[in-house]
C-alpha atoms as a PDB file:
ATOM      1  CA  MET A   1     202.264 -58.538 383.983  1.00  0.00           C
ATOM      2  CA  GLU A   2     200.913 -60.674 380.818  1.00  0.00           C
ATOM      3  CA  ILE A   3     197.846 -62.807 381.130  1.00  0.00           C
ATOM      4  CA  GLY A   4     198.634 -65.921 378.300  1.00  0.00           C
ATOM      5  CA  THR A   5     195.754 -67.660 376.914  1.00  0.00           C
ATOM      6  CA  LEU A   6     194.554 -71.617 377.422  1.00  0.00           C
ATOM      7  CA  ASN A   7     192.363 -73.839 375.048  1.00  0.00           C
ATOM      8  CA  LEU A   8     189.184 -74.436 377.156  1.00  0.00           C
ATOM      9  CA  SER A   9     187.779 -78.021 376.204  1.00  0.00           C
ATOM     10  CA  THR A  10     184.230 -78.456 374.889  1.00  0.00           C
ATOM     11  CA  ASP A  11     183.786 -81.350 376.998  1.00  0.00           C
ATOM     12  CA  GLU A  12     184.878 -79.162 379.817  1.00  0.00           C
ATOM     13  CA  VAL A  13     182.437 -77.153 379.581  1.00  0.00           C
ATOM     14  CA  LYS A  14     179.515 -79.955 378.636  1.00  0.00           C
ATOM     15  CA  ALA A  15     180.311 -81.270 381.933  1.00  0.00           C
ATOM     16  CA  VAL A  16     179.638 -78.244 384.238  1.00  0.00           C
ATOM     17  CA  LEU A  17     176.322 -77.535 382.411  1.00  0.00           C
ATOM     18  CA  ALA A  18     175.230 -80.957 383.057  1.00  0.00           C
ATOM     19  CA  LYS A  19     176.622 -80.883 386.244  1.00  0.00           C
ATOM     20  CA  GLU A  20     175.401 -77.519 387.646  1.00  0.00           C
ATOM     21  CA  LYS A  21     171.488 -76.978 387.813  1.00  0.00           C
ATOM     22  CA  THR A  22     171.402 -73.711 387.909  1.00  0.00           C
ATOM     23  CA  ILE A  23     173.566 -70.642 385.990  1.00  0.00           C
ATOM     24  CA  ILE A  24     173.390 -66.592 386.494  1.00  0.00           C
ATOM     25  CA  LEU A  25     171.489 -64.998 383.534  1.00  0.00           C
ATOM     26  CA  ALA A  26     172.517 -61.401 382.485  1.00  0.00           C
ATOM     27  CA  THR A  27     170.216 -59.996 380.093  1.00  0.00           C
ATOM     28  CA  ALA A  28     170.347 -56.235 378.777  1.00  0.00           C
ATOM     29  CA  ALA A  29     167.801 -53.723 377.049  1.00  0.00           C
ATOM     30  CA  ASP A  30     167.324 -49.706 376.767  1.00  0.00           C
ATOM     31  CA  ASN A  31     170.318 -49.438 379.466  1.00  0.00           C
ATOM     32  CA  ARG A  32     169.724 -51.487 381.904  1.00  0.00           C
ATOM     33  CA  VAL A  33     171.424 -54.477 382.858  1.00  0.00           C
ATOM     34  CA  THR A  34     169.878 -57.289 385.139  1.00  0.00           C
ATOM     35  CA  THR A  35     170.482 -60.846 386.811  1.00  0.00           C
ATOM     36  CA  ARG A  36     169.116 -63.931 388.035  1.00  0.00           C
ATOM     37  CA  SER A  37     169.253 -67.753 388.783  1.00  0.00           C
ATOM     38  CA  MET A  38     168.104 -70.061 386.382  1.00  0.00           C
ATOM     39  CA  SER A  39     167.630 -73.603 386.437  1.00  0.00           C
ATOM     40  CA  HIS A  40     168.460 -75.247 383.070  1.00  0.00           C
ATOM     41  CA  VAL A  41     169.527 -77.718 380.968  1.00  0.00           C
ATOM     42  CA  ASN A  42     171.980 -78.245 378.034  1.00  0.00           C
ATOM     43  CA  ASP A  43     172.339 -80.453 375.166  1.00  0.00           C
ATOM     44  CA  GLY A  44     175.658 -79.979 373.960  1.00  0.00           C
ATOM     45  CA  MET A  45     177.191 -76.273 374.081  1.00  0.00           C
ATOM     46  CA  THR A  46     173.289 -75.103 373.667  1.00  0.00           C
ATOM     47  CA  ILE A  47     171.712 -74.150 377.072  1.00  0.00           C
ATOM     48  CA  TYR A  48     168.132 -74.551 377.694  1.00  0.00           C
ATOM     49  CA  PHE A  49     165.706 -73.083 380.386  1.00  0.00           C
ATOM     50  CA  GLN A  50     161.923 -71.543 380.568  1.00  0.00           C
ATOM     51  CA  THR A  51     160.112 -68.672 381.915  1.00  0.00           C
ATOM     52  CA  GLY A  52     157.359 -66.378 381.648  1.00  0.00           C
ATOM     53  CA  SER A  53     156.521 -64.522 377.853  1.00  0.00           C
ATOM     54  CA  SER A  54     155.957 -61.756 379.856  1.00  0.00           C
ATOM     55  CA  TYR A  55     158.742 -61.482 382.639  1.00  0.00           C
ATOM     56  CA  LEU A  56     161.123 -58.020 382.505  1.00  0.00           C
ATOM     57  CA  LYS A  57     164.217 -61.024 380.928  1.00  0.00           C
ATOM     58  CA  THR A  58     161.836 -61.824 378.440  1.00  0.00           C
ATOM     59  CA  GLN A  59     161.141 -58.426 377.044  1.00  0.00           C
ATOM     60  CA  GLN A  60     165.032 -58.166 377.065  1.00  0.00           C
ATOM     61  CA  ILE A  61     165.899 -60.283 375.033  1.00  0.00           C
ATOM     62  CA  ARG A  62     163.149 -59.553 372.237  1.00  0.00           C
ATOM     63  CA  ILE A  63     165.249 -56.750 372.202  1.00  0.00           C
ATOM     64  CA  ASN A  64     168.937 -57.687 372.394  1.00  0.00           C
ATOM     65  CA  PRO A  65     169.219 -61.516 372.510  1.00  0.00           C
ATOM     66  CA  ASN A  66     172.892 -61.309 373.246  1.00  0.00           C
ATOM     67  CA  VAL A  67     172.974 -62.989 376.931  1.00  0.00           C
ATOM     68  CA  ALA A  68     175.831 -63.703 379.218  1.00  0.00           C
ATOM     69  CA  ILE A  69     175.319 -66.513 381.830  1.00  0.00           C
ATOM     70  CA  SER A  70     177.772 -67.277 384.897  1.00  0.00           C
ATOM     71  CA  VAL A  71     178.169 -70.743 385.790  1.00  0.00           C
ATOM     72  CA  GLU A  72     180.979 -72.496 387.893  1.00  0.00           C
ATOM     73  CA  GLY A  73     183.687 -69.275 387.438  1.00  0.00           C
ATOM     74  CA  TYR A  74     182.856 -70.256 383.674  1.00  0.00           C
ATOM     75  CA  ASP A  75     181.534 -67.006 381.965  1.00  0.00           C
ATOM     76  CA  ILE A  76     179.519 -67.512 378.982  1.00  0.00           C
ATOM     77  CA  GLU A  77     178.631 -65.330 375.980  1.00  0.00           C
ATOM     78  CA  GLY A  78     175.540 -66.566 373.410  1.00  0.00           C
ATOM     79  CA  LYS A  79     172.511 -65.565 371.295  1.00  0.00           C
ATOM     80  CA  ALA A  80     169.110 -66.483 373.052  1.00  0.00           C
ATOM     81  CA  THR A  81     166.052 -67.193 370.576  1.00  0.00           C
ATOM     82  CA  LEU A  82     162.609 -67.498 372.021  1.00  0.00           C
ATOM     83  CA  LEU A  83     160.999 -70.718 371.099  1.00  0.00           C
ATOM     84  CA  GLY A  84     157.473 -72.120 372.222  1.00  0.00           C
ATOM     85  CA  HIS A  85     155.533 -73.824 374.883  1.00  0.00           C
ATOM     86  CA  PRO A  86     157.358 -76.152 376.790  1.00  0.00           C
ATOM     87  CA  LEU A  87     155.270 -78.817 375.950  1.00  0.00           C
ATOM     88  CA  ASP A  88     155.212 -78.091 372.217  1.00  0.00           C
ATOM     89  CA  VAL A  89     155.843 -81.046 369.720  1.00  0.00           C
ATOM     90  CA  GLU A  90     159.166 -79.066 368.668  1.00  0.00           C
ATOM     91  CA  ASN A  91     159.805 -78.499 372.029  1.00  0.00           C
ATOM     92  CA  SER A  92     160.082 -82.517 373.122  1.00  0.00           C
ATOM     93  CA  LEU A  93     163.925 -82.365 373.495  1.00  0.00           C
ATOM     94  CA  PHE A  94     164.139 -79.427 375.831  1.00  0.00           C
ATOM     95  CA  ALA A  95     160.529 -80.981 377.898  1.00  0.00           C
ATOM     96  CA  LYS A  96     162.959 -84.682 378.072  1.00  0.00           C
ATOM     97  CA  LEU A  97     165.951 -83.042 379.639  1.00  0.00           C
ATOM     98  CA  TYR A  98     164.362 -80.592 381.999  1.00  0.00           C
ATOM     99  CA  LYS A  99     161.762 -83.442 383.064  1.00  0.00           C
ATOM    100  CA  ASP A 100     165.137 -85.526 383.860  1.00  0.00           C
ATOM    101  CA  LYS A 101     167.205 -82.721 385.777  1.00  0.00           C
ATOM    102  CA  HIS A 102     164.403 -80.380 387.586  1.00  0.00           C
ATOM    103  CA  PRO A 103     160.899 -82.576 387.457  1.00  0.00           C
ATOM    104  CA  GLN A 104     159.650 -80.739 390.671  1.00  0.00           C
ATOM    105  CA  SER A 105     160.266 -77.282 388.258  1.00  0.00           C
ATOM    106  CA  THR A 106     158.861 -79.144 385.186  1.00  0.00           C
ATOM    107  CA  ASP A 107     155.483 -80.500 387.189  1.00  0.00           C
ATOM    108  CA  ILE A 108     154.955 -76.665 389.294  1.00  0.00           C
ATOM    109  CA  TRP A 109     155.947 -74.213 385.901  1.00  0.00           C
ATOM    110  CA  SER A 110     155.370 -76.352 382.445  1.00  0.00           C
ATOM    111  CA  THR A 111     151.802 -76.292 382.203  1.00  0.00           C
ATOM    112  CA  PHE A 112     151.498 -72.428 382.657  1.00  0.00           C
ATOM    113  CA  PRO A 113     150.331 -71.138 379.501  1.00  0.00           C
ATOM    114  CA  GLU A 114     152.583 -68.378 379.207  1.00  0.00           C
ATOM    115  CA  GLU A 115     155.509 -70.298 380.154  1.00  0.00           C
ATOM    116  CA  ILE A 116     158.318 -70.457 376.771  1.00  0.00           C
ATOM    117  CA  VAL A 117     161.317 -72.100 376.546  1.00  0.00           C
ATOM    118  CA  VAL A 118     164.685 -70.075 375.979  1.00  0.00           C
ATOM    119  CA  LYS A 119     167.540 -71.384 373.590  1.00  0.00           C
ATOM    120  CA  VAL A 120     171.100 -70.037 374.071  1.00  0.00           C
ATOM    121  CA  GLU A 121     173.331 -70.881 371.852  1.00  0.00           C
ATOM    122  CA  ILE A 122     176.861 -70.645 373.042  1.00  0.00           C
ATOM    123  CA  ASP A 123     179.509 -68.477 371.555  1.00  0.00           C
ATOM    124  CA  LYS A 124     182.757 -68.083 373.759  1.00  0.00           C
ATOM    125  CA  VAL A 125     183.760 -69.150 377.158  1.00  0.00           C
ATOM    126  CA  ARG A 126     186.253 -67.603 379.799  1.00  0.00           C
ATOM    127  CA  LYS A 127     187.832 -69.085 382.932  1.00  0.00           C
ATOM    128  CA  TRP A 128     190.609 -68.061 384.669  1.00  0.00           C
ATOM    129  CA  ARG A 129     193.368 -70.282 385.407  1.00  0.00           C
ATOM    130  CA  TYR A 130     196.419 -70.302 387.400  1.00  0.00           C
ATOM    131  CA  VAL A 131     199.418 -72.649 386.308  1.00  0.00           C
ATOM    132  CA  ASN A 132     202.750 -72.349 388.450  1.00  0.00           C
ATOM    133  CA  GLY A 133     201.450 -68.612 390.063  1.00  0.00           C
ATOM    134  CA  LYS A 134     200.560 -67.102 386.870  1.00  0.00           C
ATOM    135  CA  PRO A 135     197.126 -66.153 385.326  1.00  0.00           C
ATOM    136  CA  PHE A 136     195.957 -67.402 382.133  1.00  0.00           C
ATOM    137  CA  ILE A 137     192.235 -66.932 380.607  1.00  0.00           C
ATOM    138  CA  ALA A 138     191.342 -70.435 379.387  1.00  0.00           C
ATOM    139  CA  VAL A 139     189.035 -69.799 376.137  1.00  0.00           C
ATOM    140  CA  TRP A 140     186.427 -72.033 374.002  1.00  0.00           C
ATOM    141  CA  LYS A 141     184.386 -69.728 370.962  1.00  0.00           C
ATOM    142  CA  LYS A 142     182.516 -71.451 368.113  1.00  0.00           C
ATOM    143  CA  ASP A 143     184.649 -70.519 365.515  1.00  0.00           C
ATOM    144  CA  ASP A 144     187.644 -72.440 366.679  1.00  0.00           C
ATOM    145  CA  VAL A 145     185.401 -75.591 366.288  1.00  0.00           C
ATOM    146  CA  GLU A 146     183.185 -75.539 363.687  1.00  0.00           C
END
């Protein structure tokens, strides 16, 4: 059976990321792959979250910035960049978005000195679709919209 492809719209992906409060983040390094739930925010097709600077996910991102994210059946691939503390001036967009979406987490975690912001630039998104009983993979690629 042949699997067809469809285009996945930017607006659809942005809406899912904005609506959902958590993502599943996968990171890998040194022949070890790990996953965990993360509270996130997005600014368009860029995903942000905060975490501890010494945590396993952060160590793995330092070695291998390629990450995978799953949210509501959407499979996302991207490249992560480690930024500074959540309350640093240069992270003011993150701080506002995160406070609006996750006020309790902001109050608990954002003041810890070891917290950092992680930025994920999305490269590709896939989602299975069925049209008239036939399987398709809907795809969004960064290169297709630039």
